């Protein structure tokens, strides 16, 4: 019997993926709003629509590598078979929250 990989078990499960996306975005949004929003509002010349578009683009550009890094760091943190069993014993939404919170303490 072939074991599926970490990424196929988590990326192909919609509940895990959406929960990880929501949690990671929530964790990344605070620094973006606290630091990036004043820079966009007071540092750029342009209409409000241009500023909003720029902020959304910057958010997406920063979020995608952040989410990928959350998955990679969490995968590397599961070193033993026992760690994997504990992780997979969680329900899918909890697994997504664990993955999305992986880098939250690094700020």
PDB file of N, CA and C in Angstrom:
ATOM      1  N   UNK A   1       0.844  -1.176   0.000  1.00  0.00           N
ATOM      2  CA  UNK A   1       0.000   0.000   0.000  1.00  0.00           C
ATOM      3  C   UNK A   1       0.892   1.244   0.000  1.00  0.00           C
ATOM      4  N   UNK A   2       0.641   2.139  -0.911  1.00  0.00           N
ATOM      5  CA  UNK A   2       1.466   3.342  -1.033  1.00  0.00           C
ATOM      6  C   UNK A   2       0.913   4.447  -0.139  1.00  0.00           C
ATOM      7  N   UNK A   3       1.808   5.049   0.620  1.00  0.00           N
ATOM      8  CA  UNK A   3       1.426   6.179   1.475  1.00  0.00           C
ATOM      9  C   UNK A   3       1.391   7.444   0.624  1.00  0.00           C
ATOM     10  N   UNK A   4       0.377   8.275   0.815  1.00  0.00           N
ATOM     11  CA  UNK A   4       0.375   9.544   0.106  1.00  0.00           C
ATOM     12  C   UNK A   4       1.279  10.534   0.825  1.00  0.00           C
ATOM     13  N   UNK A   5       1.726  11.508   0.091  1.00  0.00           N
ATOM     14  CA  UNK A   5       2.674  12.461   0.646  1.00  0.00           C
ATOM     15  C   UNK A   5       1.964  13.500   1.513  1.00  0.00           C
ATOM     16  N   UNK A   6       2.775  14.211   2.259  1.00  0.00           N
ATOM     17  CA  UNK A   6       2.276  15.273   3.131  1.00  0.00           C
ATOM     18  C   UNK A   6       1.507  16.312   2.323  1.00  0.00           C
ATOM     19  N   UNK A   7       2.073  16.710   1.195  1.00  0.00           N
ATOM     20  CA  UNK A   7       1.456  17.768   0.401  1.00  0.00           C
ATOM     21  C   UNK A   7       0.152  17.309  -0.248  1.00  0.00           C
ATOM     22  N   UNK A   8       0.098  16.068  -0.701  1.00  0.00           N
ATOM     23  CA  UNK A   8      -1.156  15.606  -1.306  1.00  0.00           C
ATOM     24  C   UNK A   8      -2.249  15.440  -0.255  1.00  0.00           C
ATOM     25  N   UNK A   9      -1.883  15.056   0.956  1.00  0.00           N
ATOM     26  CA  UNK A   9      -2.890  14.910   2.013  1.00  0.00           C
ATOM     27  C   UNK A   9      -3.429  16.258   2.477  1.00  0.00           C
ATOM     28  N   UNK A  10      -2.622  17.292   2.401  1.00  0.00           N
ATOM     29  CA  UNK A  10      -3.041  18.588   2.922  1.00  0.00           C
ATOM     30  C   UNK A  10      -3.478  19.565   1.839  1.00  0.00           C
ATOM     31  N   UNK A  11      -2.806  19.581   0.712  1.00  0.00           N
ATOM     32  CA  UNK A  11      -3.186  20.514  -0.350  1.00  0.00           C
ATOM     33  C   UNK A  11      -4.423  20.054  -1.110  1.00  0.00           C
ATOM     34  N   UNK A  12      -4.645  18.765  -1.176  1.00  0.00           N
ATOM     35  CA  UNK A  12      -5.812  18.248  -1.892  1.00  0.00           C
ATOM     36  C   UNK A  12      -7.069  18.230  -1.028  1.00  0.00           C
ATOM     37  N   UNK A  13      -6.910  18.412   0.265  1.00  0.00           N
ATOM     38  CA  UNK A  13      -8.056  18.462   1.169  1.00  0.00           C
ATOM     39  C   UNK A  13      -8.511  19.918   1.263  1.00  0.00           C
ATOM     40  N   UNK A  14      -9.712  20.206   0.788  1.00  0.00           N
ATOM     41  CA  UNK A  14     -10.184  21.593   0.734  1.00  0.00           C
ATOM     42  C   UNK A  14     -10.298  22.221   2.112  1.00  0.00           C
ATOM     43  N   UNK A  15     -10.730  21.457   3.111  1.00  0.00           N
ATOM     44  CA  UNK A  15     -10.877  22.018   4.457  1.00  0.00           C
ATOM     45  C   UNK A  15      -9.526  22.421   5.027  1.00  0.00           C
ATOM     46  N   UNK A  16      -8.521  21.574   4.857  1.00  0.00           N
ATOM     47  CA  UNK A  16      -7.181  21.895   5.353  1.00  0.00           C
ATOM     48  C   UNK A  16      -6.635  23.109   4.614  1.00  0.00           C
ATOM     49  N   UNK A  17      -6.758  23.106   3.306  1.00  0.00           N
ATOM     50  CA  UNK A  17      -6.207  24.194   2.499  1.00  0.00           C
ATOM     51  C   UNK A  17      -6.867  25.529   2.817  1.00  0.00           C
ATOM     52  N   UNK A  18      -8.199  25.570   2.853  1.00  0.00           N
ATOM     53  CA  UNK A  18      -8.890  26.831   3.121  1.00  0.00           C
ATOM     54  C   UNK A  18      -8.654  27.315   4.545  1.00  0.00           C
ATOM     55  N   UNK A  19      -8.583  26.406   5.490  1.00  0.00           N
ATOM     56  CA  UNK A  19      -8.299  26.798   6.870  1.00  0.00           C
ATOM     57  C   UNK A  19      -6.879  27.344   6.993  1.00  0.00           C
ATOM     58  N   UNK A  20      -5.927  26.722   6.305  1.00  0.00           N
ATOM     59  CA  UNK A  20      -4.545  27.217   6.319  1.00  0.00           C
ATOM     60  C   UNK A  20      -4.451  28.577   5.641  1.00  0.00           C
ATOM     61  N   UNK A  21      -5.153  28.755   4.530  1.00  0.00           N
ATOM     62  CA  UNK A  21      -5.145  30.042   3.830  1.00  0.00           C
ATOM     63  C   UNK A  21      -5.726  31.132   4.718  1.00  0.00           C
ATOM     64  N   UNK A  22      -6.869  30.864   5.337  1.00  0.00           N
ATOM     65  CA  UNK A  22      -7.512  31.862   6.191  1.00  0.00           C
ATOM     66  C   UNK A  22      -6.627  32.223   7.385  1.00  0.00           C
ATOM     67  N   UNK A  23      -6.058  31.223   8.047  1.00  0.00           N
ATOM     68  CA  UNK A  23      -5.228  31.483   9.226  1.00  0.00           C
ATOM     69  C   UNK A  23      -3.945  32.216   8.850  1.00  0.00           C
ATOM     70  N   UNK A  24      -3.295  31.804   7.774  1.00  0.00           N
ATOM     71  CA  UNK A  24      -2.062  32.467   7.352  1.00  0.00           C
ATOM     72  C   UNK A  24      -2.339  33.901   6.914  1.00  0.00           C
ATOM     73  N   UNK A  25      -3.436  34.118   6.198  1.00  0.00           N
ATOM     74  CA  UNK A  25      -3.776  35.475   5.761  1.00  0.00           C
ATOM     75  C   UNK A  25      -4.082  36.367   6.956  1.00  0.00           C
ATOM     76  N   UNK A  26      -4.781  35.823   7.935  1.00  0.00           N
ATOM     77  CA  UNK A  26      -5.091  36.587   9.146  1.00  0.00           C
ATOM     78  C   UNK A  26      -3.801  36.974   9.874  1.00  0.00           C
ATOM     79  N   UNK A  27      -2.837  36.068   9.933  1.00  0.00           N
ATOM     80  CA  UNK A  27      -1.571  36.362  10.599  1.00  0.00           C
ATOM     81  C   UNK A  27      -0.729  37.364   9.816  1.00  0.00           C
ATOM     82  N   UNK A  28      -0.803  37.329   8.512  1.00  0.00           N
ATOM     83  CA  UNK A  28      -0.018  38.242   7.685  1.00  0.00           C
ATOM     84  C   UNK A  28      -0.677  39.601   7.543  1.00  0.00           C
ATOM     85  N   UNK A  29      -1.982  39.663   7.717  1.00  0.00           N
ATOM     86  CA  UNK A  29      -2.709  40.913   7.506  1.00  0.00           C
ATOM     87  C   UNK A  29      -2.343  41.981   8.533  1.00  0.00           C
ATOM     88  N   UNK A  30      -2.089  41.591   9.774  1.00  0.00           N
ATOM     89  CA  UNK A  30      -1.764  42.591  10.803  1.00  0.00           C
ATOM     90  C   UNK A  30      -0.508  43.387  10.474  1.00  0.00           C
ATOM     91  N   UNK A  31       0.622  42.751  10.112  1.00  0.00           N
ATOM     92  CA  UNK A  31       1.781  43.570   9.719  1.00  0.00           C
ATOM     93  C   UNK A  31       1.533  44.377   8.449  1.00  0.00           C
ATOM     94  N   UNK A  32       0.775  43.809   7.519  1.00  0.00           N
ATOM     95  CA  UNK A  32       0.481  44.558   6.291  1.00  0.00           C
ATOM     96  C   UNK A  32      -0.333  45.805   6.575  1.00  0.00           C
ATOM     97  N   UNK A  33      -1.336  45.678   7.417  1.00  0.00           N
ATOM     98  CA  UNK A  33      -2.179  46.835   7.736  1.00  0.00           C
ATOM     99  C   UNK A  33      -1.407  47.830   8.592  1.00  0.00           C
ATOM    100  N   UNK A  34      -0.639  47.342   9.545  1.00  0.00           N
ATOM    101  CA  UNK A  34       0.087  48.235  10.452  1.00  0.00           C
ATOM    102  C   UNK A  34       1.237  48.968   9.804  1.00  0.00           C
ATOM    103  N   UNK A  35       1.922  48.312   8.892  1.00  0.00           N
ATOM    104  CA  UNK A  35       3.101  48.915   8.270  1.00  0.00           C
ATOM    105  C   UNK A  35       2.805  49.363   6.838  1.00  0.00           C
ATOM    106  N   UNK A  36       2.190  48.487   6.062  1.00  0.00           N
ATOM    107  CA  UNK A  36       2.012  48.756   4.638  1.00  0.00           C
ATOM    108  C   UNK A  36       0.939  49.753   4.297  1.00  0.00           C
ATOM    109  N   UNK A  37      -0.155  49.738   5.030  1.00  0.00           N
ATOM    110  CA  UNK A  37      -1.259  50.639   4.702  1.00  0.00           C
ATOM    111  C   UNK A  37      -0.885  52.112   4.865  1.00  0.00           C
ATOM    112  N   UNK A  38      -0.226  52.525   5.959  1.00  0.00           N
ATOM    113  CA  UNK A  38       0.190  53.931   6.031  1.00  0.00           C
ATOM    114  C   UNK A  38       1.180  54.324   4.932  1.00  0.00           C
ATOM    115  N   UNK A  39       2.042  53.392   4.546  1.00  0.00           N
ATOM    116  CA  UNK A  39       2.980  53.686   3.464  1.00  0.00           C
ATOM    117  C   UNK A  39       2.222  53.907   2.156  1.00  0.00           C
ATOM    118  N   UNK A  40       1.236  53.065   1.909  1.00  0.00           N
ATOM    119  CA  UNK A  40       0.456  53.194   0.671  1.00  0.00           C
ATOM    120  C   UNK A  40      -0.369  54.475   0.685  1.00  0.00           C
ATOM    121  N   UNK A  41      -1.008  54.770   1.808  1.00  0.00           N
ATOM    122  CA  UNK A  41      -1.893  55.935   1.874  1.00  0.00           C
ATOM    123  C   UNK A  41      -1.111  57.242   1.809  1.00  0.00           C
ATOM    124  N   UNK A  42      -0.037  57.346   2.592  1.00  0.00           N
ATOM    125  CA  UNK A  42       0.677  58.618   2.688  1.00  0.00           C
ATOM    126  C   UNK A  42       1.896  58.706   1.781  1.00  0.00           C
ATOM    127  N   UNK A  43       2.371  57.595   1.257  1.00  0.00           N
ATOM    128  CA  UNK A  43       3.598  57.621   0.477  1.00  0.00           C
ATOM    129  C   UNK A  43       3.409  57.601  -1.021  1.00  0.00           C
ATOM    130  N   UNK A  44       2.225  57.287  -1.481  1.00  0.00           N
ATOM    131  CA  UNK A  44       1.995  57.201  -2.922  1.00  0.00           C
ATOM    132  C   UNK A  44       1.105  58.337  -3.395  1.00  0.00           C
ATOM    133  N   UNK A  45       1.409  58.820  -4.570  1.00  0.00           N
ATOM    134  CA  UNK A  45       0.530  59.792  -5.213  1.00  0.00           C
ATOM    135  C   UNK A  45      -0.363  59.031  -6.179  1.00  0.00           C
ATOM    136  N   UNK A  46      -1.631  59.280  -6.108  1.00  0.00           N
ATOM    137  CA  UNK A  46      -2.570  58.605  -6.999  1.00  0.00           C
ATOM    138  C   UNK A  46      -3.951  58.617  -6.393  1.00  0.00           C
ATOM    139  N   UNK A  47      -4.885  58.110  -7.154  1.00  0.00           N
ATOM    140  CA  UNK A  47      -6.260  58.065  -6.665  1.00  0.00           C
ATOM    141  C   UNK A  47      -6.406  56.952  -5.630  1.00  0.00           C
ATOM    142  N   UNK A  48      -7.542  56.945  -4.960  1.00  0.00           N
ATOM    143  CA  UNK A  48      -7.804  55.927  -3.947  1.00  0.00           C
ATOM    144  C   UNK A  48      -7.870  54.543  -4.580  1.00  0.00           C
ATOM    145  N   UNK A  49      -8.346  54.465  -5.817  1.00  0.00           N
ATOM    146  CA  UNK A  49      -8.425  53.174  -6.509  1.00  0.00           C
ATOM    147  C   UNK A  49      -7.034  52.640  -6.841  1.00  0.00           C
ATOM    148  N   UNK A  50      -6.127  53.521  -7.241  1.00  0.00           N
ATOM    149  CA  UNK A  50      -4.753  53.102  -7.517  1.00  0.00           C
ATOM    150  C   UNK A  50      -4.070  52.623  -6.249  1.00  0.00           C
ATOM    151  N   UNK A  51      -4.300  53.322  -5.150  1.00  0.00           N
ATOM    152  CA  UNK A  51      -3.708  52.920  -3.874  1.00  0.00           C
ATOM    153  C   UNK A  51      -4.274  51.582  -3.402  1.00  0.00           C
ATOM    154  N   UNK A  52      -5.583  51.392  -3.542  1.00  0.00           N
ATOM    155  CA  UNK A  52      -6.211  50.125  -3.143  1.00  0.00           C
ATOM    156  C   UNK A  52      -5.699  48.979  -4.017  1.00  0.00           C
ATOM    157  N   UNK A  53      -5.593  49.214  -5.320  1.00  0.00           N
ATOM    158  CA  UNK A  53      -5.078  48.192  -6.226  1.00  0.00           C
ATOM    159  C   UNK A  53      -3.642  47.831  -5.870  1.00  0.00           C
ATOM    160  N   UNK A  54      -2.817  48.827  -5.591  1.00  0.00           N
ATOM    161  CA  UNK A  54      -1.426  48.583  -5.216  1.00  0.00           C
ATOM    162  C   UNK A  54      -1.351  47.775  -3.921  1.00  0.00           C
ATOM    163  N   UNK A  55      -2.172  48.111  -2.934  1.00  0.00           N
ATOM    164  CA  UNK A  55      -2.171  47.387  -1.663  1.00  0.00           C
ATOM    165  C   UNK A  55      -2.607  45.931  -1.865  1.00  0.00           C
ATOM    166  N   UNK A  56      -3.608  45.703  -2.688  1.00  0.00           N
ATOM    167  CA  UNK A  56      -4.076  44.334  -2.941  1.00  0.00           C
ATOM    168  C   UNK A  56      -3.004  43.521  -3.660  1.00  0.00           C
ATOM    169  N   UNK A  57      -2.341  44.122  -4.625  1.00  0.00           N
ATOM    170  CA  UNK A  57      -1.278  43.418  -5.348  1.00  0.00           C
ATOM    171  C   UNK A  57      -0.127  43.078  -4.410  1.00  0.00           C
ATOM    172  N   UNK A  58       0.286  44.028  -3.583  1.00  0.00           N
ATOM    173  CA  UNK A  58       1.369  43.768  -2.628  1.00  0.00           C
ATOM    174  C   UNK A  58       0.959  42.676  -1.645  1.00  0.00           C
ATOM    175  N   UNK A  59      -0.285  42.685  -1.208  1.00  0.00           N
ATOM    176  CA  UNK A  59      -0.773  41.656  -0.294  1.00  0.00           C
ATOM    177  C   UNK A  59      -0.681  40.274  -0.932  1.00  0.00           C
ATOM    178  N   UNK A  60      -1.103  40.152  -2.170  1.00  0.00           N
ATOM    179  CA  UNK A  60      -1.056  38.856  -2.854  1.00  0.00           C
ATOM    180  C   UNK A  60       0.383  38.420  -3.094  1.00  0.00           C
ATOM    181  N   UNK A  61       1.230  39.357  -3.498  1.00  0.00           N
ATOM    182  CA  UNK A  61       2.632  39.036  -3.771  1.00  0.00           C
ATOM    183  C   UNK A  61       3.341  38.564  -2.501  1.00  0.00           C
ATOM    184  N   UNK A  62       3.015  39.116  -1.360  1.00  0.00           N
ATOM    185  CA  UNK A  62       3.634  38.685  -0.106  1.00  0.00           C
ATOM    186  C   UNK A  62       2.970  37.435   0.470  1.00  0.00           C
ATOM    187  N   UNK A  63       1.675  37.264   0.207  1.00  0.00           N
ATOM    188  CA  UNK A  63       0.952  36.156   0.821  1.00  0.00           C
ATOM    189  C   UNK A  63       1.313  34.799   0.227  1.00  0.00           C
ATOM    190  N   UNK A  64       1.478  34.724  -1.071  1.00  0.00           N
ATOM    191  CA  UNK A  64       1.737  33.428  -1.709  1.00  0.00           C
ATOM    192  C   UNK A  64       3.044  32.803  -1.207  1.00  0.00           C
ATOM    193  N   UNK A  65       4.171  33.522  -1.181  1.00  0.00           N
ATOM    194  CA  UNK A  65       5.380  32.906  -0.610  1.00  0.00           C
ATOM    195  C   UNK A  65       5.241  32.604   0.882  1.00  0.00           C
ATOM    196  N   UNK A  66       4.493  33.440   1.606  1.00  0.00           N
ATOM    197  CA  UNK A  66       4.274  33.193   3.033  1.00  0.00           C
ATOM    198  C   UNK A  66       3.530  31.881   3.246  1.00  0.00           C
ATOM    199  N   UNK A  67       2.496  31.626   2.467  1.00  0.00           N
ATOM    200  CA  UNK A  67       1.730  30.388   2.602  1.00  0.00           C
ATOM    201  C   UNK A  67       2.582  29.177   2.225  1.00  0.00           C
ATOM    202  N   UNK A  68       3.344  29.279   1.150  1.00  0.00           N
ATOM    203  CA  UNK A  68       4.230  28.183   0.747  1.00  0.00           C
ATOM    204  C   UNK A  68       5.253  27.911   1.844  1.00  0.00           C
ATOM    205  N   UNK A  69       5.793  28.965   2.429  1.00  0.00           N
ATOM    206  CA  UNK A  69       6.758  28.800   3.508  1.00  0.00           C
ATOM    207  C   UNK A  69       6.125  28.166   4.739  1.00  0.00           C
ATOM    208  N   UNK A  70       4.875  28.492   5.033  1.00  0.00           N
ATOM    209  CA  UNK A  70       4.167  27.844   6.150  1.00  0.00           C
ATOM    210  C   UNK A  70       4.093  26.339   5.931  1.00  0.00           C
ATOM    211  N   UNK A  71       3.723  25.924   4.731  1.00  0.00           N
ATOM    212  CA  UNK A  71       3.640  24.491   4.435  1.00  0.00           C
ATOM    213  C   UNK A  71       5.013  23.829   4.525  1.00  0.00           C
ATOM    214  N   UNK A  72       6.047  24.468   3.975  1.00  0.00           N
ATOM    215  CA  UNK A  72       7.379  23.864   3.986  1.00  0.00           C
ATOM    216  C   UNK A  72       7.949  23.755   5.396  1.00  0.00           C
ATOM    217  N   UNK A  73       7.829  24.810   6.170  1.00  0.00           N
ATOM    218  CA  UNK A  73       8.371  24.786   7.533  1.00  0.00           C
ATOM    219  C   UNK A  73       7.613  23.775   8.385  1.00  0.00           C
ATOM    220  N   UNK A  74       6.304  23.695   8.202  1.00  0.00           N
ATOM    221  CA  UNK A  74       5.545  22.710   8.976  1.00  0.00           C
ATOM    222  C   UNK A  74       5.930  21.294   8.576  1.00  0.00           C
ATOM    223  N   UNK A  75       6.124  21.056   7.291  1.00  0.00           N
ATOM    224  CA  UNK A  75       6.546  19.727   6.832  1.00  0.00           C
ATOM    225  C   UNK A  75       7.885  19.362   7.447  1.00  0.00           C
ATOM    226  N   UNK A  76       8.809  20.311   7.494  1.00  0.00           N
ATOM    227  CA  UNK A  76      10.126  20.037   8.063  1.00  0.00           C
ATOM    228  C   UNK A  76      10.091  19.892   9.581  1.00  0.00           C
ATOM    229  N   UNK A  77       9.065  20.443  10.221  1.00  0.00           N
ATOM    230  CA  UNK A  77       8.978  20.326  11.681  1.00  0.00           C
ATOM    231  C   UNK A  77       8.441  18.967  12.123  1.00  0.00           C
ATOM    232  N   UNK A  78       7.827  18.219  11.219  1.00  0.00           N
ATOM    233  CA  UNK A  78       7.332  16.878  11.545  1.00  0.00           C
ATOM    234  C   UNK A  78       8.460  15.881  11.317  1.00  0.00           C
ATOM    235  N   UNK A  79       9.256  15.656  12.356  1.00  0.00           N
ATOM    236  CA  UNK A  79      10.458  14.847  12.202  1.00  0.00           C
ATOM    237  C   UNK A  79      10.220  13.364  12.449  1.00  0.00           C
ATOM    238  N   UNK A  80       9.375  13.026  13.394  1.00  0.00           N
ATOM    239  CA  UNK A  80       9.200  11.616  13.743  1.00  0.00           C
ATOM    240  C   UNK A  80       7.837  11.103  13.289  1.00  0.00           C
ATOM    241  N   UNK A  81       7.713   9.799  13.310  1.00  0.00           N
ATOM    242  CA  UNK A  81       6.442   9.160  12.964  1.00  0.00           C
ATOM    243  C   UNK A  81       5.367   9.547  13.969  1.00  0.00           C
ATOM    244  N   UNK A  82       5.774   9.734  15.223  1.00  0.00           N
ATOM    245  CA  UNK A  82       4.830  10.126  16.274  1.00  0.00           C
ATOM    246  C   UNK A  82       4.265  11.524  16.002  1.00  0.00           C
ATOM    247  N   UNK A  83       5.126  12.443  15.545  1.00  0.00           N
ATOM    248  CA  UNK A  83       4.656  13.792  15.198  1.00  0.00           C
ATOM    249  C   UNK A  83       3.637  13.742  14.059  1.00  0.00           C
ATOM    250  N   UNK A  84       3.907  12.903  13.072  1.00  0.00           N
ATOM    251  CA  UNK A  84       2.967  12.754  11.954  1.00  0.00           C
ATOM    252  C   UNK A  84       1.635  12.188  12.421  1.00  0.00           C
ATOM    253  N   UNK A  85       1.682  11.193  13.297  1.00  0.00           N
ATOM    254  CA  UNK A  85       0.441  10.589  13.793  1.00  0.00           C
ATOM    255  C   UNK A  85      -0.375  11.589  14.602  1.00  0.00           C
ATOM    256  N   UNK A  86       0.300  12.388  15.432  1.00  0.00           N
ATOM    257  CA  UNK A  86      -0.413  13.412  16.207  1.00  0.00           C
ATOM    258  C   UNK A  86      -1.053  14.447  15.279  1.00  0.00           C
ATOM    259  N   UNK A  87      -0.312  14.838  14.249  1.00  0.00           N
ATOM    260  CA  UNK A  87      -0.827  15.837  13.321  1.00  0.00           C
ATOM    261  C   UNK A  87      -2.027  15.301  12.539  1.00  0.00           C
ATOM    262  N   UNK A  88      -1.925  14.080  12.038  1.00  0.00           N
ATOM    263  CA  UNK A  88      -3.023  13.519  11.243  1.00  0.00           C
ATOM    264  C   UNK A  88      -4.205  13.075  12.090  1.00  0.00           C
ATOM    265  N   UNK A  89      -4.044  13.020  13.407  1.00  0.00           N
ATOM    266  CA  UNK A  89      -5.188  12.691  14.263  1.00  0.00           C
ATOM    267  C   UNK A  89      -6.113  13.900  14.450  1.00  0.00           C
ATOM    268  N   UNK A  90      -5.625  15.094  14.111  1.00  0.00           N
ATOM    269  CA  UNK A  90      -6.457  16.296  14.195  1.00  0.00           C
ATOM    270  C   UNK A  90      -7.479  16.301  13.062  1.00  0.00           C
ATOM    271  N   UNK A  91      -8.578  17.009  13.292  1.00  0.00           N
ATOM    272  CA  UNK A  91      -9.550  17.137  12.206  1.00  0.00           C
ATOM    273  C   UNK A  91      -8.998  18.114  11.155  1.00  0.00           C
ATOM    274  N   UNK A  92      -9.526  18.102   9.944  1.00  0.00           N
ATOM    275  CA  UNK A  92      -8.948  18.902   8.856  1.00  0.00           C
ATOM    276  C   UNK A  92      -8.847  20.398   9.142  1.00  0.00           C
ATOM    277  N   UNK A  93      -9.850  20.979   9.785  1.00  0.00           N
ATOM    278  CA  UNK A  93      -9.778  22.418  10.073  1.00  0.00           C
ATOM    279  C   UNK A  93      -8.657  22.726  11.058  1.00  0.00           C
ATOM    280  N   UNK A  94      -8.474  21.867  12.049  1.00  0.00           N
ATOM    281  CA  UNK A  94      -7.393  22.071  13.016  1.00  0.00           C
ATOM    282  C   UNK A  94      -6.028  21.907  12.354  1.00  0.00           C
ATOM    283  N   UNK A  95      -5.907  20.961  11.431  1.00  0.00           N
ATOM    284  CA  UNK A  95      -4.644  20.803  10.706  1.00  0.00           C
ATOM    285  C   UNK A  95      -4.326  22.065   9.911  1.00  0.00           C
ATOM    286  N   UNK A  96      -5.338  22.654   9.286  1.00  0.00           N
ATOM    287  CA  UNK A  96      -5.124  23.898   8.550  1.00  0.00           C
ATOM    288  C   UNK A  96      -4.698  25.035   9.452  1.00  0.00           C
ATOM    289  N   UNK A  97      -5.305  25.111  10.644  1.00  0.00           N
ATOM    290  CA  UNK A  97      -4.914  26.158  11.591  1.00  0.00           C
ATOM    291  C   UNK A  97      -3.477  25.973  12.053  1.00  0.00           C
ATOM    292  N   UNK A  98      -3.080  24.723  12.293  1.00  0.00           N
ATOM    293  CA  UNK A  98      -1.701  24.450  12.716  1.00  0.00           C
ATOM    294  C   UNK A  98      -0.726  24.867  11.619  1.00  0.00           C
ATOM    295  N   UNK A  99      -1.037  24.546  10.388  1.00  0.00           N
ATOM    296  CA  UNK A  99      -0.160  24.914   9.267  1.00  0.00           C
ATOM    297  C   UNK A  99      -0.112  26.431   9.099  1.00  0.00           C
ATOM    298  N   UNK A 100      -1.255  27.096   9.150  1.00  0.00           N
ATOM    299  CA  UNK A 100      -1.301  28.551   8.975  1.00  0.00           C
ATOM    300  C   UNK A 100      -0.632  29.319  10.092  1.00  0.00           C
ATOM    301  N   UNK A 101      -0.602  28.733  11.292  1.00  0.00           N
ATOM    302  CA  UNK A 101       0.040  29.388  12.437  1.00  0.00           C
ATOM    303  C   UNK A 101       1.520  29.053  12.563  1.00  0.00           C
ATOM    304  N   UNK A 102       2.069  28.309  11.630  1.00  0.00           N
ATOM    305  CA  UNK A 102       3.446  27.832  11.750  1.00  0.00           C
ATOM    306  C   UNK A 102       4.450  28.973  11.881  1.00  0.00           C
ATOM    307  N   UNK A 103       4.274  30.055  11.160  1.00  0.00           N
ATOM    308  CA  UNK A 103       5.237  31.157  11.181  1.00  0.00           C
ATOM    309  C   UNK A 103       4.780  32.339  12.026  1.00  0.00           C
ATOM    310  N   UNK A 104       3.681  32.198  12.747  1.00  0.00           N
ATOM    311  CA  UNK A 104       3.127  33.358  13.463  1.00  0.00           C
ATOM    312  C   UNK A 104       4.035  33.849  14.579  1.00  0.00           C
ATOM    313  N   UNK A 105       4.847  33.020  15.163  1.00  0.00           N
ATOM    314  CA  UNK A 105       5.739  33.448  16.234  1.00  0.00           C
ATOM    315  C   UNK A 105       7.064  34.004  15.750  1.00  0.00           C
ATOM    316  N   UNK A 106       7.274  34.041  14.462  1.00  0.00           N
ATOM    317  CA  UNK A 106       8.556  34.485  13.918  1.00  0.00           C
ATOM    318  C   UNK A 106       8.632  35.983  13.692  1.00  0.00           C
ATOM    319  N   UNK A 107       7.570  36.726  13.950  1.00  0.00           N
ATOM    320  CA  UNK A 107       7.593  38.168  13.696  1.00  0.00           C
ATOM    321  C   UNK A 107       8.386  38.832  14.765  1.00  0.00           C
TER     322      UNK A 107
END
